[in-house]
Amino acid sequence: MAKYAYSAYSAYSYEKMPKMSQYYRVKDIEKLIDRDKTTLFRWEKEGKIVPPQRDSRGWRLYTEEDVEKMKQLISFNVRFGSY
């Protein structure tokens, strides 16, 4: 699974970047939690997950903490039968 690093600097000036945070893109999240992207967008719209950060292109960037919250939500939904 690829992790992507973004900062205020251009992605092409990688050597100039300060300490970087790790982010996951939507397609990575789909694989990690075994859910379609429309589910992520619905959860975001319903307020079940916090809207993620976005890069300069507007792409959603999820943190490791976001992924853990999604896994907890899935676990809760499986136990109590709600989606």
C-alpha atoms as a PDB file:
ATOM      1  CA  MET A   1       0.000   0.000   0.000  1.00  0.00           C
ATOM      2  CA  ALA A   2       1.506   3.278  -1.027  1.00  0.00           C
ATOM      3  CA  LYS A   3       1.620   6.206   1.337  1.00  0.00           C
ATOM      4  CA  TYR A   4       1.939   9.678  -0.103  1.00  0.00           C
ATOM      5  CA  ALA A   5       3.723  12.621   1.443  1.00  0.00           C
ATOM      6  CA  TYR A   6       2.466  16.131   0.832  1.00  0.00           C
ATOM      7  CA  SER A   7       3.427  19.514   2.186  1.00  0.00           C
ATOM      8  CA  ALA A   8       3.331  23.155   1.194  1.00  0.00           C
ATOM      9  CA  TYR A   9       6.191  22.427  -1.207  1.00  0.00           C
ATOM     10  CA  SER A  10       5.643  20.977  -4.643  1.00  0.00           C
ATOM     11  CA  ALA A  11       5.594  17.185  -4.824  1.00  0.00           C
ATOM     12  CA  TYR A  12       8.452  17.501  -7.301  1.00  0.00           C
ATOM     13  CA  SER A  13      10.751  19.296  -4.844  1.00  0.00           C
ATOM     14  CA  TYR A  14      10.839  16.264  -2.577  1.00  0.00           C
ATOM     15  CA  GLU A  15      14.320  17.017  -1.238  1.00  0.00           C
ATOM     16  CA  LYS A  16      13.154  20.437   0.026  1.00  0.00           C
ATOM     17  CA  MET A  17      10.292  19.031   2.071  1.00  0.00           C
ATOM     18  CA  PRO A  18      10.425  19.333   5.847  1.00  0.00           C
ATOM     19  CA  LYS A  19       9.291  16.500   8.129  1.00  0.00           C
ATOM     20  CA  MET A  20       6.419  14.907   6.231  1.00  0.00           C
ATOM     21  CA  SER A  21       3.119  13.469   7.334  1.00  0.00           C
ATOM     22  CA  GLN A  22       1.884  10.250   5.814  1.00  0.00           C
ATOM     23  CA  TYR A  23      -1.455  10.240   3.997  1.00  0.00           C
ATOM     24  CA  TYR A  24      -3.585   7.684   2.199  1.00  0.00           C
ATOM     25  CA  ARG A  25      -5.586   8.427  -0.930  1.00  0.00           C
ATOM     26  CA  VAL A  26      -9.151   7.189  -1.512  1.00  0.00           C
ATOM     27  CA  LYS A  27      -8.062   4.190  -3.583  1.00  0.00           C
ATOM     28  CA  ASP A  28      -5.733   3.103  -0.756  1.00  0.00           C
ATOM     29  CA  ILE A  29      -8.511   3.420   1.812  1.00  0.00           C
ATOM     30  CA  GLU A  30     -10.837   1.319  -0.351  1.00  0.00           C
ATOM     31  CA  LYS A  31      -8.340  -1.546  -0.167  1.00  0.00           C
ATOM     32  CA  LEU A  32      -7.580  -1.100   3.529  1.00  0.00           C
ATOM     33  CA  ILE A  33     -11.183  -1.149   4.743  1.00  0.00           C
ATOM     34  CA  ASP A  34     -12.729  -3.195   1.910  1.00  0.00           C
ATOM     35  CA  ARG A  35     -15.403  -0.596   1.173  1.00  0.00           C
ATOM     36  CA  ASP A  36     -16.261   1.369  -1.966  1.00  0.00           C
ATOM     37  CA  LYS A  37     -15.400   5.075  -2.212  1.00  0.00           C
ATOM     38  CA  THR A  38     -19.096   5.954  -2.315  1.00  0.00           C
ATOM     39  CA  THR A  39     -19.362   4.542   1.213  1.00  0.00           C
ATOM     40  CA  LEU A  40     -16.564   6.863   2.348  1.00  0.00           C
ATOM     41  CA  PHE A  41     -18.253   9.862   0.765  1.00  0.00           C
ATOM     42  CA  ARG A  42     -21.600   8.928   2.320  1.00  0.00           C
ATOM     43  CA  TRP A  43     -20.023   8.536   5.781  1.00  0.00           C
ATOM     44  CA  GLU A  44     -18.389  11.934   5.332  1.00  0.00           C
ATOM     45  CA  LYS A  45     -21.703  13.525   4.291  1.00  0.00           C
ATOM     46  CA  GLU A  46     -23.581  11.880   7.200  1.00  0.00           C
ATOM     47  CA  GLY A  47     -20.949  13.030   9.694  1.00  0.00           C
ATOM     48  CA  LYS A  48     -19.818   9.524  10.622  1.00  0.00           C
ATOM     49  CA  ILE A  49     -16.229  10.433   9.734  1.00  0.00           C
ATOM     50  CA  VAL A  50     -14.501  13.787   9.810  1.00  0.00           C
ATOM     51  CA  PRO A  51     -13.911  15.275   6.352  1.00  0.00           C
ATOM     52  CA  PRO A  52     -10.258  14.581   5.480  1.00  0.00           C
ATOM     53  CA  GLN A  53      -7.596  17.068   4.537  1.00  0.00           C
ATOM     54  CA  ARG A  54      -7.266  17.840   0.841  1.00  0.00           C
ATOM     55  CA  ASP A  55      -4.258  18.539  -1.312  1.00  0.00           C
ATOM     56  CA  SER A  56      -3.940  21.387  -3.808  1.00  0.00           C
ATOM     57  CA  ARG A  57      -5.886  19.353  -6.395  1.00  0.00           C
ATOM     58  CA  GLY A  58      -8.775  18.762  -3.979  1.00  0.00           C
ATOM     59  CA  TRP A  59      -8.003  15.062  -3.526  1.00  0.00           C
ATOM     60  CA  ARG A  60      -8.878  13.622  -0.135  1.00  0.00           C
ATOM     61  CA  LEU A  61      -5.904  12.694   2.052  1.00  0.00           C
ATOM     62  CA  TYR A  62      -6.570  10.408   5.006  1.00  0.00           C
ATOM     63  CA  THR A  63      -4.274   9.918   8.003  1.00  0.00           C
ATOM     64  CA  GLU A  64      -3.551   6.715   9.892  1.00  0.00           C
ATOM     65  CA  GLU A  65      -5.885   8.021  12.613  1.00  0.00           C
ATOM     66  CA  ASP A  66      -8.675   8.408  10.035  1.00  0.00           C
ATOM     67  CA  VAL A  67      -8.153   4.808   8.921  1.00  0.00           C
ATOM     68  CA  GLU A  68      -8.395   3.545  12.510  1.00  0.00           C
ATOM     69  CA  LYS A  69     -11.650   5.458  13.052  1.00  0.00           C
ATOM     70  CA  MET A  70     -13.097   3.924   9.884  1.00  0.00           C
ATOM     71  CA  LYS A  71     -12.120   0.438  11.035  1.00  0.00           C
ATOM     72  CA  GLN A  72     -13.826   1.100  14.383  1.00  0.00           C
ATOM     73  CA  LEU A  73     -16.955   2.283  12.565  1.00  0.00           C
ATOM     74  CA  ILE A  74     -16.999  -0.882  10.450  1.00  0.00           C
ATOM     75  CA  SER A  75     -16.493  -3.054  13.531  1.00  0.00           C
ATOM     76  CA  PHE A  76     -19.364  -1.268  15.317  1.00  0.00           C
ATOM     77  CA  ASN A  77     -21.638  -1.598  12.272  1.00  0.00           C
ATOM     78  CA  VAL A  78     -20.897  -5.307  11.869  1.00  0.00           C
ATOM     79  CA  ARG A  79     -21.672  -5.983  15.552  1.00  0.00           C
ATOM     80  CA  PHE A  80     -24.894  -3.972  15.615  1.00  0.00           C
ATOM     81  CA  GLY A  81     -26.027  -4.503  12.030  1.00  0.00           C
ATOM     82  CA  SER A  82     -26.312  -0.918  10.856  1.00  0.00           C
ATOM     83  CA  TYR A  83     -24.821   0.832   7.855  1.00  0.00           C
END
